[in-house]
């Protein structure tokens, strides 16, 4: 059971970081540069899926 908790927390954290990076990249005035909107949208979707997987793992 502890392994699922660790895996769930990992998915939550990594998914949140991916979503944060994608939202940050949508603003062209940021100091870290920008990327195409479609790439940021894919990262937001992928990050949201990871957050959802983390929540599902923590519920079991």
C-alpha atoms as a PDB file:
ATOM      1  CA  UNK A   1       0.000   0.000   0.000  1.00  0.00           C
ATOM      2  CA  UNK A   2       2.832   2.407   0.783  1.00  0.00           C
ATOM      3  CA  UNK A   3       4.157   1.961  -2.730  1.00  0.00           C
ATOM      4  CA  UNK A   4       0.889   3.277  -4.197  1.00  0.00           C
ATOM      5  CA  UNK A   5       1.092   6.321  -1.945  1.00  0.00           C
ATOM      6  CA  UNK A   6       4.616   7.110  -3.099  1.00  0.00           C
ATOM      7  CA  UNK A   7       3.671   6.576  -6.732  1.00  0.00           C
ATOM      8  CA  UNK A   8       0.555   8.730  -6.334  1.00  0.00           C
ATOM      9  CA  UNK A   9       2.492  11.587  -4.740  1.00  0.00           C
ATOM     10  CA  UNK A  10       5.121  11.349  -7.481  1.00  0.00           C
ATOM     11  CA  UNK A  11       2.451  11.565 -10.199  1.00  0.00           C
ATOM     12  CA  UNK A  12       0.795  14.520  -8.467  1.00  0.00           C
ATOM     13  CA  UNK A  13       4.030  16.467  -8.137  1.00  0.00           C
ATOM     14  CA  UNK A  14       5.365  15.780 -11.633  1.00  0.00           C
ATOM     15  CA  UNK A  15       1.971  16.473 -13.215  1.00  0.00           C
ATOM     16  CA  UNK A  16       1.684  19.768 -11.358  1.00  0.00           C
ATOM     17  CA  UNK A  17       5.182  20.788 -12.467  1.00  0.00           C
ATOM     18  CA  UNK A  18       4.380  19.930 -16.103  1.00  0.00           C
ATOM     19  CA  UNK A  19       1.160  21.978 -16.005  1.00  0.00           C
ATOM     20  CA  UNK A  20       2.981  24.889 -14.343  1.00  0.00           C
ATOM     21  CA  UNK A  21       5.726  24.850 -16.994  1.00  0.00           C
ATOM     22  CA  UNK A  22       3.180  24.718 -19.818  1.00  0.00           C
ATOM     23  CA  UNK A  23       1.145  27.641 -18.477  1.00  0.00           C
ATOM     24  CA  UNK A  24       4.328  29.645 -17.937  1.00  0.00           C
ATOM     25  CA  UNK A  25       5.454  28.925 -21.525  1.00  0.00           C
ATOM     26  CA  UNK A  26       2.230  30.389 -22.925  1.00  0.00           C
ATOM     27  CA  UNK A  27       3.340  33.887 -21.905  1.00  0.00           C
ATOM     28  CA  UNK A  28       5.924  35.137 -24.423  1.00  0.00           C
ATOM     29  CA  UNK A  29       7.270  37.785 -22.041  1.00  0.00           C
ATOM     30  CA  UNK A  30       8.584  35.190 -19.584  1.00  0.00           C
ATOM     31  CA  UNK A  31      12.327  35.041 -19.084  1.00  0.00           C
ATOM     32  CA  UNK A  32      12.527  31.315 -19.820  1.00  0.00           C
ATOM     33  CA  UNK A  33      11.261  31.661 -23.370  1.00  0.00           C
ATOM     34  CA  UNK A  34       8.087  30.473 -25.014  1.00  0.00           C
ATOM     35  CA  UNK A  35       6.876  27.591 -27.148  1.00  0.00           C
ATOM     36  CA  UNK A  36       4.076  27.049 -29.665  1.00  0.00           C
ATOM     37  CA  UNK A  37       0.580  27.121 -28.188  1.00  0.00           C
ATOM     38  CA  UNK A  38      -0.179  23.575 -29.355  1.00  0.00           C
ATOM     39  CA  UNK A  39       2.864  22.204 -27.527  1.00  0.00           C
ATOM     40  CA  UNK A  40       1.859  23.956 -24.327  1.00  0.00           C
ATOM     41  CA  UNK A  41      -1.688  22.615 -24.723  1.00  0.00           C
ATOM     42  CA  UNK A  42      -0.376  19.064 -25.083  1.00  0.00           C
ATOM     43  CA  UNK A  43       1.737  19.511 -21.958  1.00  0.00           C
ATOM     44  CA  UNK A  44      -1.284  20.808 -20.027  1.00  0.00           C
ATOM     45  CA  UNK A  45      -3.315  17.763 -21.102  1.00  0.00           C
ATOM     46  CA  UNK A  46      -0.500  15.357 -20.260  1.00  0.00           C
ATOM     47  CA  UNK A  47       0.099  17.025 -16.896  1.00  0.00           C
ATOM     48  CA  UNK A  48      -3.608  16.910 -16.070  1.00  0.00           C
ATOM     49  CA  UNK A  49      -3.654  13.194 -16.893  1.00  0.00           C
ATOM     50  CA  UNK A  50      -0.710  12.646 -14.554  1.00  0.00           C
ATOM     51  CA  UNK A  51      -2.422  14.574 -11.766  1.00  0.00           C
ATOM     52  CA  UNK A  52      -5.551  12.480 -12.319  1.00  0.00           C
ATOM     53  CA  UNK A  53      -3.518   9.273 -12.166  1.00  0.00           C
ATOM     54  CA  UNK A  54      -1.913  10.466  -8.947  1.00  0.00           C
ATOM     55  CA  UNK A  55      -5.290  11.174  -7.380  1.00  0.00           C
ATOM     56  CA  UNK A  56      -6.578   7.758  -8.463  1.00  0.00           C
ATOM     57  CA  UNK A  57      -3.530   6.048  -6.973  1.00  0.00           C
ATOM     58  CA  UNK A  58      -3.966   7.901  -3.694  1.00  0.00           C
ATOM     59  CA  UNK A  59      -7.636   6.922  -3.489  1.00  0.00           C
ATOM     60  CA  UNK A  60      -6.935   3.189  -3.756  1.00  0.00           C
END
